[in-house]
Amino acid sequence: MAKKQEKTNVMRILDQKKIEYSHYAYDNTKLNAEEVANALNQEVGKVFKTLVTVGKSKEHYVFVVPANKELDLKKAAKVAKEKSIEMIHQKELLPLTGYIHGGCSPIGMKKQFKTFIHKTANDYDTIYFSAGRVGNQVELPLSSLQKVIPVEVADIIKDNS
């Protein structure tokens, strides 16, 4: 008998808000974007990663970018209206968000931080991002994500990365 997939907080929040989504579980040793996209049989641009940053003001911000791209910290600071932004240290991720590296999702963090997603999310009917646990992704339209959390669409990745 197959083991029933236990729901993540992300999935429970989506269910609670009656948002339709698809859930995918894959080999949780796959951490880089290309491996995850291949495991999901999707183009890598549809798979997004969640990055947590801190601004000069000490405010935290979340950036959701295509998994094969790099966050442009200058563009990020500009859209967040900060003098500068830097990535938080990995050891700060769990206490701050409730998520571990590789399983961070923009939905269901301990506190809702101002969140930005790269504009290419508009290019797809649906996008993939972490379901809040390593080896788990959810797929849904950007418009559905925006019904769950406030997400601003912006140009936040490095050019030619």
Protein backbone atom coordinates (compact mmCIF):
# COMPACT_ATOMS: atom_id res chain seq x y z
CA MET A 1 0.00 0.00 0.00
CA ALA A 2 1.42 3.41 -0.98
CA LYS A 3 2.26 5.77 1.83
CA LYS A 4 -0.14 8.73 1.87
CA GLN A 5 1.70 11.99 1.21
CA GLU A 6 1.39 14.13 4.30
CA LYS A 7 0.37 17.70 3.65
CA THR A 8 2.79 20.57 4.16
CA ASN A 9 1.75 23.89 5.73
CA VAL A 10 1.74 25.38 2.23
CA MET A 11 -0.76 22.76 1.06
CA ARG A 12 -2.93 23.24 4.16
CA ILE A 13 -3.00 27.04 3.58
CA LEU A 14 -3.91 26.56 -0.09
CA ASP A 15 -6.66 24.07 0.89
CA GLN A 16 -7.99 26.45 3.55
CA LYS A 17 -8.21 29.29 1.00
CA LYS A 18 -9.79 26.89 -1.52
CA ILE A 19 -6.99 27.48 -4.05
CA GLU A 20 -6.50 24.73 -6.62
CA TYR A 21 -2.94 23.45 -6.97
CA SER A 22 -1.02 20.38 -7.98
CA HIS A 23 1.51 18.79 -5.64
CA TYR A 24 4.63 16.93 -6.72
CA ALA A 25 7.04 14.94 -4.62
CA TYR A 26 10.44 13.99 -5.99
CA ASP A 27 13.79 12.63 -4.84
CA ASN A 28 14.77 15.09 -2.11
CA THR A 29 18.47 14.79 -2.93
CA LYS A 30 17.78 16.94 -6.00
CA LEU A 31 18.45 20.49 -4.91
CA ASN A 32 19.60 22.41 -7.95
CA ALA A 33 17.14 23.98 -10.36
CA GLU A 34 17.90 21.82 -13.37
CA GLU A 35 17.56 18.59 -11.34
CA VAL A 36 14.24 19.71 -9.85
CA ALA A 37 12.90 20.82 -13.26
CA ASN A 38 13.98 17.48 -14.77
CA ALA A 39 12.37 15.56 -11.90
CA LEU A 40 9.14 17.48 -12.59
CA ASN A 41 9.57 17.09 -16.37
CA GLN A 42 9.27 20.87 -16.75
CA GLU A 43 11.30 23.64 -18.34
CA VAL A 44 13.61 25.17 -15.76
CA GLY A 45 12.16 28.69 -16.18
CA LYS A 46 8.80 27.56 -14.71
CA VAL A 47 10.44 26.36 -11.49
CA PHE A 48 10.99 29.18 -8.98
CA LYS A 49 13.13 29.40 -5.86
CA THR A 50 12.40 31.48 -2.78
CA LEU A 51 15.17 33.72 -1.46
CA VAL A 52 15.10 35.64 1.81
CA THR A 53 17.01 38.89 2.16
CA VAL A 54 17.55 41.70 4.63
CA GLY A 55 17.66 45.37 3.72
CA LYS A 56 19.81 48.14 5.17
CA SER A 57 16.75 49.08 7.27
CA LYS A 58 16.89 45.55 8.82
CA GLU A 59 13.52 44.75 7.17
CA HIS A 60 13.32 41.30 5.55
CA TYR A 61 12.13 40.71 1.99
CA VAL A 62 11.30 37.60 -0.01
CA PHE A 63 12.22 37.26 -3.67
CA VAL A 64 10.89 34.45 -5.86
CA VAL A 65 13.03 33.98 -8.97
CA PRO A 66 13.38 31.39 -11.73
CA ALA A 67 15.44 28.62 -10.17
CA ASN A 68 18.18 28.84 -12.80
CA LYS A 69 18.62 32.61 -12.39
CA GLU A 70 20.36 34.82 -9.88
CA LEU A 71 18.76 37.59 -7.83
CA ASP A 72 20.16 41.01 -8.77
CA LEU A 73 20.66 42.64 -5.36
CA LYS A 74 20.71 46.15 -6.85
CA LYS A 75 17.38 45.62 -8.65
CA ALA A 76 16.00 43.96 -5.50
CA ALA A 77 16.99 46.94 -3.35
CA LYS A 78 15.39 49.32 -5.84
CA VAL A 79 12.00 47.53 -5.89
CA ALA A 80 12.06 47.18 -2.09
CA LYS A 81 12.97 50.88 -1.78
CA GLU A 82 16.09 50.04 0.23
CA LYS A 83 19.61 51.50 -0.01
CA SER A 84 20.97 47.95 -0.21
CA ILE A 85 19.89 44.34 0.25
CA GLU A 86 21.82 41.20 1.06
CA MET A 87 20.97 37.53 1.39
CA ILE A 88 20.38 36.34 4.94
CA HIS A 89 22.77 33.75 6.35
CA GLN A 90 21.56 30.18 5.93
CA LYS A 91 21.53 29.63 9.71
CA GLU A 92 18.99 32.50 10.06
CA LEU A 93 16.50 30.93 7.62
CA LEU A 94 14.79 28.41 9.92
CA PRO A 95 14.32 30.70 12.96
CA LEU A 96 13.11 33.55 10.72
CA THR A 97 10.82 31.70 8.30
CA GLY A 98 10.18 28.24 9.76
CA TYR A 99 11.70 26.71 6.62
CA ILE A 100 15.02 25.02 5.90
CA HIS A 101 17.30 25.66 2.92
CA GLY A 102 15.84 23.91 -0.13
CA GLY A 103 12.34 23.85 1.34
CA CYS A 104 11.59 27.56 1.65
CA SER A 105 8.24 28.67 0.23
CA PRO A 106 6.77 32.17 -0.10
CA ILE A 107 3.57 30.79 1.50
CA GLY A 108 3.35 29.98 5.20
CA MET A 109 6.40 31.73 6.65
CA LYS A 110 6.28 32.55 10.37
CA LYS A 111 5.75 36.19 9.38
CA GLN A 112 4.53 37.57 6.05
CA PHE A 113 7.38 39.56 4.54
CA LYS A 114 7.06 41.88 1.55
CA THR A 115 7.35 39.48 -1.42
CA PHE A 116 8.40 40.04 -5.02
CA ILE A 117 8.33 37.56 -7.91
CA HIS A 118 10.23 37.86 -11.17
CA LYS A 119 8.15 39.10 -14.08
CA THR A 120 8.71 35.92 -16.13
CA ALA A 121 6.12 34.25 -13.85
CA ASN A 122 3.58 36.06 -16.05
CA ASP A 123 4.87 34.11 -19.08
CA TYR A 124 3.47 30.79 -17.84
CA ASP A 125 -0.03 29.47 -17.17
CA THR A 126 1.32 27.92 -13.98
CA ILE A 127 4.55 28.09 -11.98
CA TYR A 128 6.23 25.71 -9.56
CA PHE A 129 7.73 26.55 -6.18
CA SER A 130 8.53 24.78 -2.94
CA ALA A 131 5.64 23.27 -1.03
CA GLY A 132 7.55 23.99 2.17
CA ARG A 133 9.51 20.75 2.38
CA VAL A 134 12.58 19.58 0.48
CA GLY A 135 11.45 17.25 -2.30
CA ASN A 136 7.99 18.81 -2.61
CA GLN A 137 6.72 21.41 -5.08
CA VAL A 138 3.33 22.95 -5.76
CA GLU A 139 2.12 24.15 -9.14
CA LEU A 140 -0.42 26.93 -9.55
CA PRO A 141 -1.06 30.09 -11.56
CA LEU A 142 0.59 33.31 -10.40
CA SER A 143 -2.88 34.80 -9.94
CA SER A 144 -3.66 32.05 -7.38
CA LEU A 145 -0.45 32.76 -5.47
CA GLN A 146 -1.47 36.43 -5.38
CA LYS A 147 -4.80 35.43 -3.77
CA VAL A 148 -2.88 33.80 -0.90
CA ILE A 149 -0.13 36.36 -0.25
CA PRO A 150 0.60 39.86 -1.53
CA VAL A 151 3.19 39.41 -4.30
CA GLU A 152 4.58 42.21 -6.44
CA VAL A 153 5.81 41.35 -9.94
CA ALA A 154 9.17 42.97 -10.75
CA ASP A 155 12.37 42.70 -12.80
CA ILE A 156 14.72 41.31 -10.12
CA ILE A 157 17.16 38.93 -11.82
CA LYS A 158 20.63 39.52 -13.17
CA ASP A 159 20.72 40.03 -16.91
CA ASN A 160 22.47 37.19 -18.77
CA SER A 161 22.67 35.00 -15.68
